[in-house]
Amino acid sequence: MNPDERIVIGIVQVIVVLMLSPLMAGVLKKVEARIESRRGISILQPYYDLAKFFRKETLVPEGTGPFFIAAPFITFAAMLTLPLMLPIVGNFPSWLAPTVDFFGGTFIFGLAAMASVLATERTGSYYTGIGATRSVSFGAFAEPVLIMVFFGVAIITGTNNPFLMNHRITAGNWYLSPTHVLITAAFFMLLLFDTGKLPIESHGSNELGMLDQAKSLEYTGPLYALSSWASYMKSFILTAVFLNVFAFPWGLAESASLNSIVYGTATLLIKMLGLTLAFVAVEETLAKIRLFRIIDYLSASFLLAIMGVISFLLGGGAP
């Protein structure tokens, strides 16, 4: 793969995440509405909302300081960096991918989360405060799951580079191994939580049941638009990694040619649509869980990932 193709695929992946992440959010809301026999919003509504907020005035709470303004830019920039390092459309790395592995990507996700929490704590608002507190509390259980999932797929493929993982899973006999099945199930459970698809019980006020959404309540105008867009991109990236490395690691672009990129992008959207249907099925059929039960839920996900690693050590790495 020549350097020019690596540059092209990196730019393409950034554009795909940037431009299509609001679309997938709109598709999810539309499908949810149809399942509930409602008309629902247009699948383009997230774009309209972003355009509206970019035109509005920015109001900053008194006493927050400059970091409150900088946090959405840090989060947005972090989400733009990740497509340069992960298999989103193509199964070959961009020029920046060799500098970081899955664990480095986890740290970038952590940087974005830390920036939003630190900015939220400066507002003095009750709802944003409890949102930040819950984010930190549940994150202490969610991050080990993500690390253990990546560790599990690393030991069966012999690498922690996501592109090499994709190649070795598709070329080898690890796909239906007990280890891979267990860590994929653990990642799916984590994905439901991290992308906000896990139905959570709320007692009378939606704000009391909010998690990540609460951290953006004090933002307005372009700052709120950047924060929302970064949230769309986070969900899109996590979903793409789940599909392209764990659940269905086929159908990615083999080169930087136009036909191959269009094929890889179309395949990704089809896979995401299928996963969206799975999300909606879970959200509409699973009974809402109480907020304090999220820790139990994440603990179960962590145990699945641990069982996956143990199965490998006991000889379950390959079927």
Protein backbone atom coordinates (compact mmCIF):
# COMPACT_ATOMS: atom_id res chain seq x y z
CA MET A 1 0.00 0.00 0.00
CA ASN A 2 1.62 3.26 -1.12
CA PRO A 3 1.69 6.38 1.11
CA ASP A 4 -0.81 8.27 -1.07
CA GLU A 5 -3.46 5.59 -0.57
CA ARG A 6 -2.86 5.68 3.19
CA ILE A 7 -3.44 9.44 3.22
CA VAL A 8 -6.57 9.11 1.08
CA ILE A 9 -8.17 6.42 3.24
CA GLY A 10 -7.45 8.43 6.39
CA ILE A 11 -9.15 11.53 4.97
CA VAL A 12 -12.07 9.46 3.65
CA GLN A 13 -12.66 7.84 7.04
CA VAL A 14 -12.68 11.22 8.79
CA ILE A 15 -15.19 12.57 6.25
CA VAL A 16 -17.41 9.48 6.57
CA VAL A 17 -17.52 9.73 10.36
CA LEU A 18 -18.01 13.49 10.28
CA MET A 19 -20.79 13.52 7.69
CA LEU A 20 -22.66 10.25 8.27
CA SER A 21 -22.72 10.04 12.07
CA PRO A 22 -25.73 12.44 12.37
CA LEU A 23 -27.51 10.43 9.66
CA MET A 24 -27.25 7.18 11.63
CA ALA A 25 -28.57 8.97 14.72
CA GLY A 26 -31.57 10.12 12.69
CA VAL A 27 -32.13 6.64 11.25
CA LEU A 28 -32.13 5.17 14.76
CA LYS A 29 -34.74 7.64 15.98
CA LYS A 30 -36.85 7.01 12.88
CA VAL A 31 -36.77 3.24 13.33
CA GLU A 32 -37.65 3.59 17.02
CA ALA A 33 -40.65 5.75 16.11
CA ARG A 34 -41.86 3.26 13.49
CA ILE A 35 -41.63 0.38 15.96
CA GLU A 36 -43.76 2.43 18.37
CA SER A 37 -46.32 3.19 15.59
CA ARG A 38 -45.29 6.85 15.44
CA ARG A 39 -44.35 8.89 12.41
CA GLY A 40 -41.16 10.16 14.01
CA ILE A 41 -38.69 12.80 12.87
CA SER A 42 -36.95 12.98 9.53
CA ILE A 43 -33.70 11.03 9.34
CA LEU A 44 -32.09 14.37 8.42
CA GLN A 45 -33.31 16.10 11.59
CA PRO A 46 -29.90 15.88 13.36
CA TYR A 47 -28.39 17.91 10.50
CA TYR A 48 -31.12 20.53 10.83
CA ASP A 49 -30.54 20.70 14.58
CA LEU A 50 -26.79 21.13 14.19
CA ALA A 51 -27.28 23.89 11.60
CA LYS A 52 -29.76 25.63 13.92
CA PHE A 53 -27.45 25.58 16.93
CA PHE A 54 -24.45 26.78 14.91
CA ARG A 55 -26.50 29.90 14.09
CA LYS A 56 -27.51 30.61 17.67
CA GLU A 57 -25.78 32.78 20.25
CA THR A 58 -23.29 31.24 22.68
CA LEU A 59 -24.06 31.85 26.35
CA VAL A 60 -21.52 30.82 28.97
CA PRO A 61 -22.47 30.32 32.65
CA GLU A 62 -20.81 32.77 35.00
CA GLY A 63 -17.62 31.56 36.68
CA THR A 64 -16.96 28.60 34.40
CA GLY A 65 -13.68 29.82 32.93
CA PRO A 66 -12.05 29.21 29.54
CA PHE A 67 -11.88 25.41 29.89
CA PHE A 68 -15.67 25.23 29.70
CA ILE A 69 -15.43 26.71 26.20
CA ALA A 70 -12.41 24.61 25.22
CA ALA A 71 -13.91 21.25 26.26
CA PRO A 72 -16.27 20.79 23.25
CA PHE A 73 -13.38 21.56 20.89
CA ILE A 74 -11.17 18.99 22.67
CA THR A 75 -13.90 16.36 22.50
CA PHE A 76 -14.66 17.11 18.86
CA ALA A 77 -10.97 17.00 17.91
CA ALA A 78 -10.51 13.68 19.72
CA MET A 79 -13.38 12.13 17.77
CA LEU A 80 -11.88 13.43 14.51
CA THR A 81 -8.54 11.84 15.37
CA LEU A 82 -9.87 8.33 15.96
CA PRO A 83 -10.96 7.60 12.34
CA LEU A 84 -7.30 8.02 11.33
CA MET A 85 -6.39 5.06 13.57
CA LEU A 86 -9.31 2.61 13.32
CA PRO A 87 -10.89 0.52 10.53
CA ILE A 88 -14.01 2.47 9.61
CA VAL A 89 -14.23 2.07 5.83
CA GLY A 90 -10.94 0.44 4.78
CA ASN A 91 -9.10 -2.61 6.09
CA PHE A 92 -5.67 -1.06 5.61
CA PRO A 93 -4.17 1.59 7.91
CA SER A 94 -3.85 5.29 7.20
CA TRP A 95 -0.51 7.00 7.64
CA LEU A 96 -1.27 7.76 11.30
CA ALA A 97 -2.56 4.33 12.32
CA PRO A 98 0.84 2.71 13.09
CA THR A 99 1.44 5.27 15.84
CA VAL A 100 -1.35 3.95 18.09
CA ASP A 101 -3.16 0.70 18.88
CA PHE A 102 -6.52 -0.16 20.42
CA PHE A 103 -5.36 0.84 23.88
CA GLY A 104 -4.16 4.19 22.56
CA GLY A 105 -7.60 4.71 21.06
CA THR A 106 -9.12 3.94 24.46
CA PHE A 107 -6.98 6.70 25.98
CA ILE A 108 -8.25 9.16 23.37
CA PHE A 109 -11.83 8.23 24.27
CA GLY A 110 -10.83 8.78 27.89
CA LEU A 111 -9.38 12.21 27.09
CA ALA A 112 -12.67 13.30 25.54
CA ALA A 113 -14.64 11.99 28.54
CA MET A 114 -12.30 13.67 31.02
CA ALA A 115 -12.55 17.03 29.23
CA SER A 116 -16.36 16.96 29.28
CA VAL A 117 -16.47 15.98 32.96
CA LEU A 118 -14.00 18.68 34.06
CA ALA A 119 -15.90 21.34 32.10
CA THR A 120 -19.23 20.22 33.54
CA GLU A 121 -18.05 20.41 37.12
CA ARG A 122 -17.38 24.14 36.67
CA THR A 123 -20.98 25.05 35.88
CA GLY A 124 -22.40 24.66 39.39
CA SER A 125 -25.60 23.21 37.93
CA TYR A 126 -27.34 20.39 39.77
CA TYR A 127 -28.34 18.34 36.72
CA THR A 128 -24.99 18.65 34.94
CA GLY A 129 -23.24 17.86 38.22
CA ILE A 130 -25.08 14.59 38.74
CA GLY A 131 -24.54 13.75 35.08
CA ALA A 132 -20.77 14.19 35.47
CA THR A 133 -20.75 12.22 38.72
CA ARG A 134 -22.62 9.33 37.16
CA SER A 135 -20.36 9.43 34.11
CA VAL A 136 -17.29 9.02 36.31
CA SER A 137 -18.89 6.36 38.51
CA PHE A 138 -20.15 4.20 35.66
CA GLY A 139 -17.04 4.88 33.61
CA ALA A 140 -14.98 3.22 36.35
CA PHE A 141 -16.84 0.02 35.48
CA ALA A 142 -17.17 0.55 31.70
CA GLU A 143 -13.52 1.30 30.91
CA PRO A 144 -12.20 -2.02 32.32
CA VAL A 145 -14.73 -3.83 30.12
CA LEU A 146 -13.44 -2.04 27.03
CA ILE A 147 -9.83 -2.77 27.94
CA MET A 148 -10.57 -6.43 28.67
CA VAL A 149 -12.47 -6.78 25.37
CA PHE A 150 -9.52 -5.40 23.43
CA PHE A 151 -7.14 -7.57 25.44
CA GLY A 152 -9.26 -10.62 24.63
CA VAL A 153 -9.21 -10.06 20.88
CA ALA A 154 -5.49 -9.23 21.10
CA ILE A 155 -4.56 -12.58 22.63
CA ILE A 156 -6.42 -14.61 20.00
CA THR A 157 -4.97 -12.62 17.09
CA GLY A 158 -1.51 -11.97 18.52
CA THR A 159 -1.69 -8.21 17.95
CA ASN A 160 -3.37 -5.12 19.36
CA ASN A 161 -3.43 -3.27 16.04
CA PRO A 162 -7.09 -3.10 14.93
CA PHE A 163 -6.28 -3.49 11.22
CA LEU A 164 -4.19 -6.61 11.80
CA MET A 165 -6.95 -7.93 14.06
CA ASN A 166 -9.42 -7.56 11.21
CA HIS A 167 -7.15 -9.45 8.80
CA ARG A 168 -6.36 -12.27 11.19
CA ILE A 169 -9.95 -12.82 12.29
CA THR A 170 -11.19 -13.02 8.69
CA ALA A 171 -8.26 -15.19 7.56
CA GLY A 172 -8.09 -17.52 10.57
CA ASN A 173 -10.48 -19.75 12.49
CA TRP A 174 -11.01 -17.46 15.48
CA TYR A 175 -14.35 -16.01 14.39
CA LEU A 176 -16.57 -18.64 16.04
CA SER A 177 -14.19 -19.54 18.83
CA PRO A 178 -15.59 -19.40 22.39
CA THR A 179 -13.21 -16.54 23.21
CA HIS A 180 -14.34 -14.40 20.29
CA VAL A 181 -18.03 -15.07 20.89
CA LEU A 182 -17.78 -14.16 24.58
CA ILE A 183 -15.81 -10.95 24.08
CA THR A 184 -18.13 -9.93 21.23
CA ALA A 185 -21.13 -10.40 23.53
CA ALA A 186 -19.36 -8.34 26.22
CA PHE A 187 -18.63 -5.56 23.72
CA PHE A 188 -22.26 -5.57 22.52
CA MET A 189 -23.46 -5.08 26.11
CA LEU A 190 -20.95 -2.26 26.58
CA LEU A 191 -22.01 -0.71 23.27
CA LEU A 192 -25.62 -0.54 24.43
CA PHE A 193 -24.50 1.43 27.47
CA ASP A 194 -21.90 3.68 25.83
CA THR A 195 -24.18 4.70 22.95
CA GLY A 196 -27.16 5.40 25.22
CA LYS A 197 -29.31 2.53 23.90
CA LEU A 198 -29.73 0.84 27.27
CA PRO A 199 -33.27 1.61 28.55
CA ILE A 200 -32.97 3.28 31.96
CA GLU A 201 -35.83 3.87 34.34
CA SER A 202 -36.57 7.53 35.13
CA HIS A 203 -38.71 8.57 38.11
CA GLY A 204 -40.83 11.45 36.83
CA SER A 205 -38.07 13.65 35.41
CA ASN A 206 -35.99 12.75 32.37
CA GLU A 207 -33.11 14.81 33.72
CA LEU A 208 -32.82 12.52 36.74
CA GLY A 209 -32.21 9.56 34.46
CA MET A 210 -29.73 11.29 32.15
CA LEU A 211 -26.11 10.21 31.86
CA ASP A 212 -23.99 11.73 29.08
CA GLN A 213 -26.83 14.00 27.93
CA ALA A 214 -26.80 15.84 31.25
CA LYS A 215 -23.24 17.05 30.69
CA SER A 216 -24.36 19.18 27.73
CA LEU A 217 -27.30 20.92 29.40
CA GLU A 218 -25.39 24.14 30.12
CA TYR A 219 -24.03 24.48 26.59
CA THR A 220 -25.73 26.65 23.99
CA GLY A 221 -25.22 27.64 20.38
CA PRO A 222 -22.12 26.37 18.54
CA LEU A 223 -20.67 24.83 21.71
CA TYR A 224 -23.76 22.65 22.10
CA ALA A 225 -23.61 21.76 18.40
CA LEU A 226 -19.98 20.64 18.71
CA SER A 227 -20.78 18.61 21.82
CA SER A 228 -23.74 16.91 20.13
CA TRP A 229 -21.79 16.23 16.95
CA ALA A 230 -18.96 14.67 18.97
CA SER A 231 -21.52 12.43 20.67
CA TYR A 232 -22.84 11.29 17.28
CA MET A 233 -19.29 10.55 16.14
CA LYS A 234 -18.49 8.59 19.30
CA SER A 235 -21.48 6.31 18.75
CA PHE A 236 -20.61 5.92 15.07
CA ILE A 237 -16.96 5.04 15.76
CA LEU A 238 -17.73 2.52 18.51
CA THR A 239 -20.36 0.88 16.31
CA ALA A 240 -17.96 0.70 13.35
CA VAL A 241 -15.24 -0.88 15.49
CA PHE A 242 -17.70 -3.42 16.88
CA LEU A 243 -18.83 -4.37 13.37
CA ASN A 244 -15.50 -4.25 11.54
CA VAL A 245 -13.34 -6.02 14.10
CA PHE A 246 -15.70 -8.15 16.17
CA ALA A 247 -19.15 -8.93 14.77
CA PHE A 248 -18.79 -8.80 10.97
CA PRO A 249 -15.21 -8.04 9.91
CA TRP A 250 -15.85 -8.33 6.14
CA GLY A 251 -16.83 -5.90 3.41
CA LEU A 252 -14.22 -3.18 3.98
CA ALA A 253 -12.43 -1.32 1.20
CA GLU A 254 -9.31 -3.12 -0.04
CA SER A 255 -7.79 -0.07 -1.73
CA ALA A 256 -8.19 3.69 -2.00
CA SER A 257 -9.91 3.52 -5.40
CA LEU A 258 -13.31 5.20 -5.73
CA ASN A 259 -15.19 1.93 -6.33
CA SER A 260 -13.59 0.26 -3.33
CA ILE A 261 -14.30 3.21 -1.02
CA VAL A 262 -17.93 3.41 -2.16
CA TYR A 263 -18.28 -0.33 -1.60
CA GLY A 264 -16.73 -0.12 1.87
CA THR A 265 -18.92 2.83 2.86
CA ALA A 266 -22.11 1.21 1.55
CA THR A 267 -21.29 -2.05 3.32
CA LEU A 268 -20.67 -0.20 6.57
CA LEU A 269 -24.03 1.58 6.35
CA ILE A 270 -25.83 -1.71 5.67
CA LYS A 271 -24.14 -3.35 8.65
CA MET A 272 -24.98 -0.35 10.82
CA LEU A 273 -28.61 -0.52 9.74
CA GLY A 274 -28.73 -4.16 10.81
CA LEU A 275 -27.17 -3.30 14.16
CA THR A 276 -29.62 -0.42 14.55
CA LEU A 277 -32.48 -2.90 14.24
CA ALA A 278 -30.84 -5.00 16.94
CA PHE A 279 -30.51 -1.91 19.17
CA VAL A 280 -34.16 -1.04 18.71
CA ALA A 281 -35.22 -4.62 19.40
CA VAL A 282 -33.31 -4.60 22.68
CA GLU A 283 -34.52 -1.13 23.66
CA GLU A 284 -38.17 -1.89 22.91
CA THR A 285 -38.32 -5.38 24.42
CA LEU A 286 -36.00 -5.13 27.42
CA ALA A 287 -37.59 -3.89 30.63
CA LYS A 288 -36.13 -0.61 31.84
CA ILE A 289 -33.45 -1.12 34.45
CA ARG A 290 -33.00 1.07 37.48
CA LEU A 291 -30.11 3.48 37.49
CA PHE A 292 -28.19 1.76 40.29
CA ARG A 293 -28.48 -1.57 38.41
CA ILE A 294 -26.20 -0.27 35.65
CA ILE A 295 -23.21 -1.30 37.76
CA ASP A 296 -24.56 -4.87 37.86
CA TYR A 297 -25.08 -4.75 34.10
CA LEU A 298 -21.51 -3.56 33.44
CA SER A 299 -20.15 -6.12 35.90
CA ALA A 300 -21.90 -8.87 33.92
CA SER A 301 -20.31 -7.52 30.74
CA PHE A 302 -16.88 -7.55 32.41
CA LEU A 303 -17.40 -11.16 33.54
CA LEU A 304 -18.21 -12.19 29.97
CA ALA A 305 -14.95 -10.63 28.79
CA ILE A 306 -13.04 -12.37 31.61
CA MET A 307 -14.67 -15.69 30.68
CA GLY A 308 -13.53 -15.12 27.10
CA VAL A 309 -9.91 -14.73 28.20
CA ILE A 310 -10.17 -17.77 30.51
CA SER A 311 -11.61 -19.87 27.69
CA PHE A 312 -8.57 -19.01 25.59
CA LEU A 313 -6.23 -20.07 28.39
CA LEU A 314 -8.17 -23.35 28.67
CA GLY A 315 -7.79 -24.04 24.97
CA GLY A 316 -10.87 -22.31 23.59
CA GLY A 317 -9.02 -19.89 21.35
CA ALA A 318 -10.08 -21.69 18.19
CA PRO A 319 -13.03 -23.95 17.43
